[in-house]
């Protein structure tokens, strides 16, 4: 990942008013809102067409969401992370996503893993997948497990890797990410 150079402050002697800059908290809110918007929710299909109903001709079906179970937070995280992972200058956004969704202990362990493997620890890969899917797993003792399927390639060339992602039920923070098989 590359680092982003700090923004330069405008000179105080300029005649025009200074622009208001967003601080880290506003940036985090923007990232979280983008993550929530990027994650599709369940929309029922009509029996006649097998497609989701739309509000009008040519319009996409409505989307909705809620701060639901921990596995949905895993889906929000991976949706936002995969969307921004291929963007130039996304290192800061990735760090903010990690700070918001992952525990400090996991972030430390991922840093060690990434140095050893020269790859992204969240994706367990050096490249960005073409798609992702999160499936809820078992819960118990205050923890829950989700399975993340990452899709690599398209069409006949598709392959999959699987990750086991553990979350704390009380905080809904991701506590562990491991290759499943």
Protein backbone atom coordinates (compact mmCIF):
# COMPACT_ATOMS: atom_id res chain seq x y z
CA UNK A 1 0.00 0.00 0.00
CA UNK A 2 1.19 3.50 -0.67
CA UNK A 3 0.96 6.42 1.63
CA UNK A 4 -0.78 9.67 0.79
CA UNK A 5 1.06 12.94 1.18
CA UNK A 6 -0.59 15.44 3.54
CA UNK A 7 -2.64 18.24 2.04
CA UNK A 8 -0.94 21.62 1.91
CA UNK A 9 -2.54 24.42 3.87
CA UNK A 10 -3.64 27.45 1.83
CA UNK A 11 -1.65 30.57 2.41
CA UNK A 12 -3.22 32.84 5.06
CA UNK A 13 -2.70 35.99 3.02
CA UNK A 14 -5.03 34.95 0.18
CA UNK A 15 -8.00 37.27 -0.30
CA UNK A 16 -10.54 34.50 -0.78
CA UNK A 17 -11.92 32.62 2.24
CA UNK A 18 -10.15 29.41 3.19
CA UNK A 19 -11.85 26.17 2.19
CA UNK A 20 -13.18 24.02 4.95
CA UNK A 21 -11.39 20.67 5.04
CA UNK A 22 -12.83 17.46 6.34
CA UNK A 23 -11.11 15.91 9.32
CA UNK A 24 -10.51 12.21 10.01
CA UNK A 25 -13.94 11.75 11.56
CA UNK A 26 -15.74 13.13 8.50
CA UNK A 27 -13.60 10.92 6.25
CA UNK A 28 -14.50 7.86 8.33
CA UNK A 29 -18.20 8.71 8.16
CA UNK A 30 -17.92 9.07 4.37
CA UNK A 31 -16.19 5.70 4.09
CA UNK A 32 -18.78 3.96 6.28
CA UNK A 33 -21.67 5.52 4.35
CA UNK A 34 -20.06 4.46 1.08
CA UNK A 35 -19.67 0.94 2.47
CA UNK A 36 -23.32 0.77 3.46
CA UNK A 37 -24.39 2.05 0.05
CA UNK A 38 -22.15 -0.47 -1.73
CA UNK A 39 -23.65 -3.52 -0.04
CA UNK A 40 -26.77 -4.82 -1.73
CA UNK A 41 -29.57 -5.96 0.52
CA UNK A 42 -32.09 -8.70 -0.09
CA UNK A 43 -34.80 -7.74 -2.56
CA UNK A 44 -37.59 -10.18 -3.32
CA UNK A 45 -38.02 -11.42 -6.86
CA UNK A 46 -41.33 -11.51 -8.66
CA UNK A 47 -42.47 -15.02 -9.56
CA UNK A 48 -43.33 -14.07 -13.16
CA UNK A 49 -39.95 -12.69 -14.17
CA UNK A 50 -37.55 -13.88 -11.50
CA UNK A 51 -36.25 -10.33 -11.23
CA UNK A 52 -36.57 -7.75 -8.51
CA UNK A 53 -39.30 -5.14 -8.91
CA UNK A 54 -38.22 -1.60 -9.85
CA UNK A 55 -39.88 1.74 -9.09
CA UNK A 56 -40.31 2.54 -12.76
CA UNK A 57 -39.06 1.75 -16.24
CA UNK A 58 -35.27 1.60 -16.40
CA UNK A 59 -34.84 2.13 -12.66
CA UNK A 60 -32.86 -0.10 -10.35
CA UNK A 61 -34.75 -1.86 -7.56
CA UNK A 62 -34.79 -0.04 -4.21
CA UNK A 63 -32.19 -0.96 -1.61
CA UNK A 64 -32.33 -0.84 2.15
CA UNK A 65 -30.24 -1.92 5.11
CA UNK A 66 -29.93 -1.91 8.86
CA UNK A 67 -27.21 -2.28 11.47
CA UNK A 68 -27.99 -5.96 11.74
CA UNK A 69 -26.04 -9.00 12.80
CA UNK A 70 -22.25 -9.21 12.87
CA UNK A 71 -22.06 -11.15 9.58
CA UNK A 72 -23.80 -8.21 7.85
CA UNK A 73 -21.03 -5.96 9.17
CA UNK A 74 -18.53 -8.40 7.63
CA UNK A 75 -20.41 -8.01 4.33
CA UNK A 76 -20.35 -4.21 4.64
CA UNK A 77 -16.62 -4.29 5.34
CA UNK A 78 -15.72 -6.59 2.46
CA UNK A 79 -18.03 -4.73 0.07
CA UNK A 80 -16.36 -1.40 0.79
CA UNK A 81 -12.86 -2.87 1.01
CA UNK A 82 -13.04 -4.67 -2.34
CA UNK A 83 -14.64 -1.62 -4.02
CA UNK A 84 -11.89 0.74 -2.92
CA UNK A 85 -8.93 -1.67 -3.00
CA UNK A 86 -8.28 -1.12 -6.71
CA UNK A 87 -8.58 2.67 -6.58
CA UNK A 88 -5.47 4.83 -6.80
CA UNK A 89 -4.68 6.55 -3.51
CA UNK A 90 -6.94 4.27 -1.48
CA UNK A 91 -4.43 3.47 1.29
CA UNK A 92 -5.94 6.02 3.67
CA UNK A 93 -9.48 4.77 3.07
CA UNK A 94 -8.32 1.17 3.61
CA UNK A 95 -6.71 2.17 6.91
CA UNK A 96 -9.90 3.93 8.03
CA UNK A 97 -12.02 0.92 7.12
CA UNK A 98 -9.66 -1.33 9.06
CA UNK A 99 -9.74 1.00 12.07
CA UNK A 100 -13.52 1.03 12.09
CA UNK A 101 -14.30 -2.64 11.42
CA UNK A 102 -11.29 -4.56 12.83
CA UNK A 103 -9.99 -4.90 16.38
CA UNK A 104 -6.58 -3.37 17.18
CA UNK A 105 -5.18 -6.84 17.86
CA UNK A 106 -6.26 -8.09 14.44
CA UNK A 107 -4.81 -5.01 12.72
CA UNK A 108 -1.45 -5.74 14.40
CA UNK A 109 -1.55 -9.42 13.36
CA UNK A 110 -2.49 -8.47 9.79
CA UNK A 111 0.51 -6.10 9.60
CA UNK A 112 2.84 -8.98 10.55
CA UNK A 113 1.16 -11.34 8.05
CA UNK A 114 1.40 -8.71 5.29
CA UNK A 115 5.13 -8.16 5.86
CA UNK A 116 5.76 -11.92 5.68
CA UNK A 117 3.63 -12.57 2.59
CA UNK A 118 3.88 -9.25 0.72
CA UNK A 119 0.11 -9.34 0.19
CA UNK A 120 -3.09 -7.85 1.60
CA UNK A 121 -4.01 -9.66 4.82
CA UNK A 122 -7.72 -8.83 4.61
CA UNK A 123 -7.97 -10.49 1.19
CA UNK A 124 -5.13 -12.97 1.80
CA UNK A 125 -3.95 -12.11 -1.72
CA UNK A 126 -1.76 -9.71 -3.66
CA UNK A 127 -4.58 -8.81 -6.07
CA UNK A 128 -8.19 -7.64 -5.84
CA UNK A 129 -11.04 -10.14 -6.36
CA UNK A 130 -13.76 -9.57 -8.93
CA UNK A 131 -16.56 -10.38 -6.45
CA UNK A 132 -17.24 -11.45 -2.86
CA UNK A 133 -19.98 -13.21 -0.89
CA UNK A 134 -20.49 -13.52 2.88
CA UNK A 135 -22.36 -16.41 4.49
CA UNK A 136 -23.33 -16.47 8.15
CA UNK A 137 -21.93 -19.29 10.25
CA UNK A 138 -22.19 -20.56 13.79
CA UNK A 139 -22.29 -18.37 16.89
CA UNK A 140 -21.47 -19.10 20.49
CA UNK A 141 -19.57 -17.84 23.51
CA UNK A 142 -19.99 -14.23 22.35
CA UNK A 143 -18.43 -14.85 18.93
CA UNK A 144 -19.75 -15.56 15.45
CA UNK A 145 -18.12 -16.96 12.33
CA UNK A 146 -18.75 -15.94 8.72
CA UNK A 147 -17.41 -17.46 5.53
CA UNK A 148 -16.22 -15.03 2.88
CA UNK A 149 -15.96 -16.35 -0.66
CA UNK A 150 -13.73 -14.26 -2.93
CA UNK A 151 -14.15 -14.70 -6.68
CA UNK A 152 -11.09 -14.38 -8.91
CA UNK A 153 -11.55 -13.91 -12.65
CA UNK A 154 -14.72 -14.08 -14.71
CA UNK A 155 -16.64 -16.53 -16.87
CA UNK A 156 -15.07 -19.96 -17.36
CA UNK A 157 -11.84 -18.77 -15.70
CA UNK A 158 -13.44 -18.10 -12.30
CA UNK A 159 -11.82 -19.50 -9.20
CA UNK A 160 -12.69 -19.03 -5.54
CA UNK A 161 -10.89 -18.68 -2.25
CA UNK A 162 -12.57 -18.87 1.12
CA UNK A 163 -11.86 -17.01 4.34
CA UNK A 164 -13.12 -17.68 7.85
CA UNK A 165 -13.92 -14.38 9.54
CA UNK A 166 -14.67 -14.22 13.26
CA UNK A 167 -16.51 -11.34 14.90
CA UNK A 168 -17.32 -10.33 18.46
CA UNK A 169 -21.10 -10.31 18.97
CA UNK A 170 -21.03 -7.47 21.52
CA UNK A 171 -18.94 -5.02 19.47
CA UNK A 172 -19.56 -6.56 16.02
CA UNK A 173 -15.86 -5.92 15.31
CA UNK A 174 -13.94 -8.44 13.22
CA UNK A 175 -11.49 -10.27 15.49
CA UNK A 176 -9.84 -12.76 13.11
CA UNK A 177 -9.41 -13.52 9.40
CA UNK A 178 -7.98 -16.86 8.24
CA UNK A 179 -7.80 -18.81 4.99
CA UNK A 180 -10.49 -21.47 5.19
CA UNK A 181 -9.10 -24.01 2.70
